[in-house]
Every structure is written in C-alpha cells, then in structure tokens.
Amino acid sequence: DNPFAFNEGDRDLDKYFKPLYNQVGGNLSDVPIDILRKYHGMGILSVFGAKVWSAIHSENWRLREAAAQAVLSFMQSPLPEKYANGKTKKLFMACLEMARIACEDQILSIYFIGLKILSNALAPPCLLYTSDAADDLLCVDLGGRRILQKK
C-alpha cells in the first residue's frame, strides 16, 4: 500500500530490472523520501516504480546503469495495455525525467542509455503525440497539441 516502497511501476519493470539488479549484486539504499515524493507529485513514481527511481539515484554507478537499461528495455518492448488508446503522457514525462538524470551522469554508458531513452520516447509514434491526440489526426499538430478548428 506504500507507493514509495512498491507500486505498479515496480511490477511493470520487474522483468527488466530484477535480472540486472541481481547481476550487479548491489543493495538499493534508501533514496531521500523528498525525491520519491517529487516523482509522486509529478505523477511519474508509479510509471517506472520506486525501485528503479531509487536505483537511478544510487551512489553505485552499476545500479544507475541497471535502472536506465531496465527503462530502455521496457520502452523497446510492447507497452502494457494500460498505455493503449493514447494514455501515454505520464510515461512520456517519466521518460524525459529518466533521460535527463541519465544524461547528467558522469558515466558515459549511462549517458548514452539516457539518449536512447529520449530518442525512443520521441520516435514515431511519439508518446506525447499519442497521449494528446484526438480521434481525428487533423486536430493535432506535430507537437501533440490539439488544434482548435474554427468553424
């Protein structure tokens, strides 16, 4: 019941993160609760889960790399049904935040994974484009915003 310990994002990314985590053999240290609260407030904590968000903030670069790689693998796989029908805005925002953190990392491999996450989120069909798209594509510009038609 505690989203700061375990949530639906942890279930979604478990098959991607758990093998990498076990391979690294590290321990997830507690991330300051303020960081997880920030992600909860942004509505993205439950997208990738508390474990992955904690790992990307770890002092252990191998855990950070595992978290970023798990997100990339998740994004490159068929997305869960809950993201069908254009319900991808929170996923897009979570990708942007994960990519930002990874691209600020001093470890080059994590930086490159961050670029791949960003590239994947922006690739057609762009997650933001599909999240805000109306039924009629004529009502949406390339940035995914609705265009109000004058009648």
Protein backbone atom coordinates (compact mmCIF):
# COMPACT_ATOMS: atom_id res chain seq x y z
CA ASP A 1 0.00 0.00 0.00
CA ASN A 2 3.03 2.29 0.27
CA PRO A 3 3.78 3.71 -3.23
CA PHE A 4 7.20 4.87 -2.02
CA ALA A 5 8.21 1.24 -1.36
CA PHE A 6 6.48 -0.71 -4.15
CA ASN A 7 3.91 0.19 -6.79
CA GLU A 8 2.59 -0.84 -10.21
CA GLY A 9 5.69 0.51 -11.95
CA ASP A 10 7.78 -1.94 -9.93
CA ARG A 11 5.60 -4.77 -11.26
CA ASP A 12 5.86 -3.48 -14.83
CA LEU A 13 9.66 -3.16 -14.80
CA ASP A 14 10.47 -6.17 -12.61
CA LYS A 15 11.29 -8.48 -15.52
CA TYR A 16 13.71 -5.89 -16.91
CA PHE A 17 15.24 -4.57 -13.69
CA LYS A 18 15.44 -7.66 -11.46
CA PRO A 19 17.96 -9.63 -13.62
CA LEU A 20 20.18 -6.54 -13.99
CA TYR A 21 19.91 -5.80 -10.28
CA ASN A 22 20.83 -9.39 -9.39
CA GLN A 23 23.76 -9.29 -11.81
CA VAL A 24 25.10 -6.11 -10.22
CA GLY A 25 24.71 -7.58 -6.76
CA GLY A 26 24.33 -4.22 -5.11
CA ASN A 27 21.98 -3.01 -2.45
CA LEU A 28 19.38 -0.37 -3.06
CA SER A 29 19.99 2.24 -0.45
CA ASP A 30 17.16 4.43 0.65
CA VAL A 31 16.76 7.47 -1.53
CA PRO A 32 15.72 10.61 0.32
CA ILE A 33 11.93 10.47 0.53
CA ASP A 34 11.77 14.00 -0.88
CA ILE A 35 12.95 12.68 -4.26
CA LEU A 36 10.28 9.97 -4.36
CA ARG A 37 7.65 12.47 -3.18
CA LYS A 38 8.66 14.77 -6.04
CA TYR A 39 8.10 11.97 -8.56
CA HIS A 40 4.84 11.05 -6.85
CA GLY A 41 3.71 14.68 -7.12
CA MET A 42 4.65 14.70 -10.81
CA GLY A 43 2.56 11.55 -11.26
CA ILE A 44 5.50 9.51 -12.53
CA LEU A 45 6.60 7.49 -9.48
CA SER A 46 4.29 4.62 -10.41
CA VAL A 47 5.39 4.60 -14.07
CA PHE A 48 8.82 3.02 -13.51
CA GLY A 49 8.44 2.12 -9.83
CA ALA A 50 10.14 3.09 -6.59
CA LYS A 51 12.98 0.58 -7.07
CA VAL A 52 14.08 1.93 -10.46
CA TRP A 53 13.78 5.56 -9.34
CA SER A 54 15.81 4.70 -6.24
CA ALA A 55 18.44 2.88 -8.31
CA ILE A 56 18.91 5.78 -10.74
CA HIS A 57 19.81 7.94 -7.72
CA SER A 58 22.19 5.36 -6.24
CA GLU A 59 25.83 6.08 -5.46
CA ASN A 60 26.61 2.78 -7.20
CA TRP A 61 27.04 3.50 -10.93
CA ARG A 62 26.21 -0.11 -11.80
CA LEU A 63 22.80 0.27 -10.16
CA ARG A 64 22.23 3.54 -12.02
CA GLU A 65 23.16 1.82 -15.26
CA ALA A 66 20.83 -1.12 -14.44
CA ALA A 67 17.94 1.28 -13.79
CA ALA A 68 18.48 3.18 -17.04
CA GLN A 69 18.89 -0.04 -19.04
CA ALA A 70 15.72 -1.51 -17.49
CA VAL A 71 13.75 1.56 -18.56
CA LEU A 72 15.19 1.40 -22.07
CA SER A 73 14.35 -2.31 -22.37
CA PHE A 74 10.83 -1.61 -21.12
CA MET A 75 10.39 1.16 -23.67
CA GLN A 76 11.66 -1.01 -26.51
CA SER A 77 9.21 -3.81 -25.67
CA PRO A 78 5.48 -3.79 -26.35
CA LEU A 79 3.95 -1.49 -23.75
CA PRO A 80 1.38 -2.77 -21.23
CA GLU A 81 -2.28 -2.46 -22.17
CA LYS A 82 -2.76 0.43 -19.72
CA TYR A 83 -0.87 2.64 -22.20
CA ALA A 84 -3.21 1.78 -25.06
CA ASN A 85 -5.50 4.35 -26.63
CA GLY A 86 -3.10 7.25 -26.15
CA LYS A 87 -2.76 7.12 -22.36
CA THR A 88 0.96 7.79 -22.50
CA LYS A 89 1.53 11.31 -21.19
CA LYS A 90 2.84 10.18 -17.77
CA LEU A 91 5.02 7.59 -19.49
CA PHE A 92 6.43 10.32 -21.73
CA MET A 93 7.09 12.60 -18.74
CA ALA A 94 8.77 9.73 -16.85
CA CYS A 95 10.99 9.04 -19.88
CA LEU A 96 12.02 12.68 -20.04
CA GLU A 97 12.95 12.71 -16.36
CA MET A 98 14.83 9.41 -16.57
CA ALA A 99 16.67 10.59 -19.71
CA ARG A 100 17.57 13.88 -18.00
CA ILE A 101 19.02 12.12 -14.98
CA ALA A 102 20.91 9.58 -17.10
CA CYS A 103 22.29 12.27 -19.41
CA GLU A 104 23.64 14.18 -16.40
CA ASP A 105 25.53 11.09 -15.19
CA GLN A 106 29.32 11.14 -15.41
CA ILE A 107 29.42 7.52 -16.58
CA LEU A 108 29.38 7.56 -20.36
CA SER A 109 27.40 4.33 -20.77
CA ILE A 110 24.58 5.74 -18.61
CA TYR A 111 24.64 8.96 -20.62
CA PHE A 112 24.21 7.01 -23.86
CA ILE A 113 21.35 4.96 -22.40
CA GLY A 114 19.69 8.27 -21.43
CA LEU A 115 19.96 9.45 -25.03
CA LYS A 116 18.40 6.20 -26.22
CA ILE A 117 15.52 6.57 -23.75
CA LEU A 118 14.88 10.09 -25.02
CA SER A 119 15.15 9.00 -28.65
CA ASN A 120 12.76 6.12 -28.03
CA ALA A 121 10.20 8.40 -26.33
CA LEU A 122 10.35 10.87 -29.23
CA ALA A 123 10.35 8.29 -32.03
CA PRO A 124 7.16 7.81 -34.02
CA PRO A 125 4.65 7.33 -32.70
CA CYS A 126 5.86 9.88 -30.16
CA LEU A 127 4.46 9.11 -26.70
CA LEU A 128 3.35 12.70 -26.20
CA TYR A 129 1.80 12.85 -29.65
CA THR A 130 -0.29 9.76 -28.98
CA SER A 131 -1.21 10.91 -25.48
CA ASP A 132 -2.81 14.17 -26.57
CA ALA A 133 -4.02 13.07 -29.98
CA ALA A 134 -7.69 13.28 -30.66
CA ASP A 135 -9.54 10.67 -32.71
CA ASP A 136 -9.05 12.89 -35.73
CA LEU A 137 -5.39 13.42 -36.56
CA LEU A 138 -6.29 16.63 -38.39
CA CYS A 139 -6.92 18.21 -35.00
CA VAL A 140 -3.37 17.65 -33.72
CA ASP A 141 -0.14 19.43 -34.63
CA LEU A 142 3.26 17.73 -34.70
CA GLY A 143 3.88 18.55 -31.04
CA GLY A 144 0.81 16.60 -29.98
CA ARG A 145 -1.24 19.66 -29.01
CA ARG A 146 -4.85 19.94 -30.04
CA ILE A 147 -5.63 22.47 -32.74
CA LEU A 148 -8.97 24.13 -32.33
CA GLN A 149 -10.71 24.24 -35.67
CA LYS A 150 -12.61 27.42 -36.50
CA LYS A 151 -16.00 26.64 -37.91
